[in-house]
C-alpha cells in the first residue's frame, strides 16, 4: 500500500502539475501567435522568472 501511495504522490501528481505548466505555456504561445501572427517566446522567460520567485 505504501508503494501505491508513493507512486500516486510522486509520479501521478507531479506529472499532472508539470503537464499543466507545459499546457499553459503552449496555450500562451499559441494565443500570442494567433493574435500577432509572429512567434513571441517571452512566455518561457516569464515562467522561469515566476518559478525562481516562487522558489526563493
N, C-alpha and C. Protein backbone atom coordinates (compact mmCIF):
# COMPACT_ATOMS: atom_id res chain seq x y z
N UNK A 1 0.82 -1.20 0.00
CA UNK A 1 0.00 0.00 0.00
C UNK A 1 0.86 1.26 0.00
N UNK A 2 1.99 1.21 0.69
CA UNK A 2 2.86 2.38 0.71
C UNK A 2 3.44 2.68 -0.66
N UNK A 3 3.72 1.63 -1.43
CA UNK A 3 4.25 1.84 -2.78
C UNK A 3 3.22 2.51 -3.67
N UNK A 4 1.97 2.17 -3.51
CA UNK A 4 0.90 2.78 -4.30
C UNK A 4 0.74 4.26 -3.95
N UNK A 5 0.79 4.59 -2.68
CA UNK A 5 0.70 5.99 -2.26
C UNK A 5 1.91 6.76 -2.75
N UNK A 6 3.10 6.17 -2.65
CA UNK A 6 4.31 6.83 -3.15
C UNK A 6 4.21 7.06 -4.65
N UNK A 7 3.76 6.06 -5.39
CA UNK A 7 3.61 6.20 -6.83
C UNK A 7 2.61 7.30 -7.17
N UNK A 8 1.51 7.33 -6.46
CA UNK A 8 0.48 8.34 -6.74
C UNK A 8 1.01 9.74 -6.45
N UNK A 9 1.67 9.92 -5.31
CA UNK A 9 2.16 11.25 -4.93
C UNK A 9 3.32 11.72 -5.78
N UNK A 10 4.25 10.87 -6.07
CA UNK A 10 5.48 11.28 -6.75
C UNK A 10 5.37 11.25 -8.27
N UNK A 11 4.58 10.37 -8.82
CA UNK A 11 4.54 10.22 -10.27
C UNK A 11 3.29 10.86 -10.86
N UNK A 12 2.14 10.48 -10.37
CA UNK A 12 0.89 10.94 -10.96
C UNK A 12 0.68 12.43 -10.70
N UNK A 13 0.77 12.85 -9.46
CA UNK A 13 0.52 14.26 -9.11
C UNK A 13 1.56 15.17 -9.73
N UNK A 14 2.84 14.83 -9.60
CA UNK A 14 3.87 15.69 -10.17
C UNK A 14 3.82 15.71 -11.69
N UNK A 15 3.44 14.60 -12.30
CA UNK A 15 3.27 14.58 -13.75
C UNK A 15 2.13 15.45 -14.22
N UNK A 16 1.04 15.45 -13.47
CA UNK A 16 -0.09 16.31 -13.83
C UNK A 16 0.25 17.78 -13.65
N UNK A 17 0.97 18.11 -12.61
CA UNK A 17 1.37 19.51 -12.38
C UNK A 17 2.31 19.98 -13.49
N UNK A 18 3.31 19.18 -13.81
CA UNK A 18 4.26 19.56 -14.86
C UNK A 18 3.57 19.63 -16.22
N UNK A 19 2.68 18.71 -16.49
CA UNK A 19 1.93 18.74 -17.74
C UNK A 19 1.05 19.96 -17.86
N UNK A 20 0.44 20.38 -16.75
CA UNK A 20 -0.40 21.58 -16.80
C UNK A 20 0.43 22.84 -16.99
N UNK A 21 1.63 22.88 -16.44
CA UNK A 21 2.52 24.02 -16.67
C UNK A 21 2.92 24.09 -18.14
N UNK A 22 3.27 22.94 -18.72
CA UNK A 22 3.59 22.92 -20.15
C UNK A 22 2.39 23.32 -21.00
N UNK A 23 1.20 22.88 -20.61
CA UNK A 23 -0.01 23.22 -21.37
C UNK A 23 -0.28 24.72 -21.30
N UNK A 24 -0.10 25.33 -20.14
CA UNK A 24 -0.30 26.78 -20.02
C UNK A 24 0.68 27.55 -20.90
N UNK A 25 1.93 27.11 -20.91
CA UNK A 25 2.92 27.76 -21.78
C UNK A 25 2.57 27.62 -23.24
N UNK A 26 2.13 26.43 -23.64
CA UNK A 26 1.77 26.19 -25.04
C UNK A 26 0.54 26.99 -25.44
N UNK A 27 -0.44 27.08 -24.55
CA UNK A 27 -1.64 27.86 -24.85
C UNK A 27 -1.29 29.34 -24.97
N UNK A 28 -0.40 29.83 -24.12
CA UNK A 28 0.01 31.23 -24.20
C UNK A 28 0.73 31.53 -25.50
N UNK A 29 1.64 30.68 -25.91
CA UNK A 29 2.37 30.89 -27.17
C UNK A 29 1.41 30.82 -28.35
N UNK A 30 0.48 29.87 -28.32
CA UNK A 30 -0.49 29.75 -29.40
C UNK A 30 -1.40 30.97 -29.47
N UNK A 31 -1.81 31.48 -28.33
CA UNK A 31 -2.67 32.65 -28.30
C UNK A 31 -1.96 33.89 -28.86
N UNK A 32 -0.73 34.11 -28.44
CA UNK A 32 0.03 35.25 -28.94
C UNK A 32 0.29 35.10 -30.44
N UNK A 33 0.64 33.89 -30.88
CA UNK A 33 0.88 33.67 -32.31
C UNK A 33 -0.39 33.88 -33.12
N UNK A 34 -1.53 33.46 -32.59
CA UNK A 34 -2.79 33.63 -33.29
C UNK A 34 -3.20 35.08 -33.42
N UNK A 35 -2.88 35.89 -32.43
CA UNK A 35 -3.28 37.30 -32.45
C UNK A 35 -2.29 38.14 -33.25
N UNK A 36 -1.00 37.99 -32.98
CA UNK A 36 0.01 38.85 -33.58
C UNK A 36 0.60 38.32 -34.88
N UNK A 37 0.40 37.03 -35.18
CA UNK A 37 0.91 36.37 -36.38
C UNK A 37 2.44 36.30 -36.44
N UNK A 38 3.12 36.35 -35.31
CA UNK A 38 4.54 36.02 -35.26
C UNK A 38 4.84 35.38 -33.91
N UNK A 39 5.85 34.55 -33.90
CA UNK A 39 6.18 33.80 -32.69
C UNK A 39 6.88 34.70 -31.69
N UNK A 40 6.35 34.76 -30.50
CA UNK A 40 6.91 35.59 -29.43
C UNK A 40 7.15 34.66 -28.25
N UNK A 41 8.41 34.39 -27.93
CA UNK A 41 8.74 33.35 -26.96
C UNK A 41 9.11 33.92 -25.59
N UNK A 42 8.44 34.99 -25.16
CA UNK A 42 8.72 35.55 -23.83
C UNK A 42 8.04 34.75 -22.73
N UNK A 43 7.16 33.81 -23.06
CA UNK A 43 6.47 33.04 -22.04
C UNK A 43 7.43 32.17 -21.25
N UNK A 44 8.41 31.61 -21.92
CA UNK A 44 9.40 30.80 -21.21
C UNK A 44 10.19 31.61 -20.21
N UNK A 45 10.54 32.84 -20.57
CA UNK A 45 11.26 33.72 -19.65
C UNK A 45 10.39 34.08 -18.45
N UNK A 46 9.14 34.38 -18.70
CA UNK A 46 8.24 34.76 -17.60
C UNK A 46 7.95 33.56 -16.69
N UNK A 47 7.81 32.37 -17.27
CA UNK A 47 7.57 31.19 -16.45
C UNK A 47 8.80 30.86 -15.61
N UNK A 48 9.99 31.03 -16.17
CA UNK A 48 11.21 30.79 -15.41
C UNK A 48 11.37 31.79 -14.28
N UNK A 49 11.07 33.06 -14.57
CA UNK A 49 11.16 34.08 -13.53
C UNK A 49 10.16 33.80 -12.41
N UNK A 50 8.94 33.40 -12.76
CA UNK A 50 7.95 33.07 -11.74
C UNK A 50 8.36 31.86 -10.91
N UNK A 51 8.99 30.88 -11.56
CA UNK A 51 9.46 29.70 -10.81
C UNK A 51 10.57 30.08 -9.84
N UNK A 52 11.48 30.94 -10.26
CA UNK A 52 12.56 31.35 -9.35
C UNK A 52 12.04 32.21 -8.20
N UNK A 53 11.08 33.08 -8.48
CA UNK A 53 10.48 33.89 -7.40
C UNK A 53 9.76 33.00 -6.41
N UNK A 54 9.03 32.01 -6.92
CA UNK A 54 8.34 31.08 -6.04
C UNK A 54 9.32 30.25 -5.24
N UNK A 55 10.42 29.85 -5.88
CA UNK A 55 11.43 29.05 -5.18
C UNK A 55 12.08 29.84 -4.04
N UNK A 56 12.39 31.10 -4.30
CA UNK A 56 13.02 31.91 -3.25
C UNK A 56 12.01 32.36 -2.24
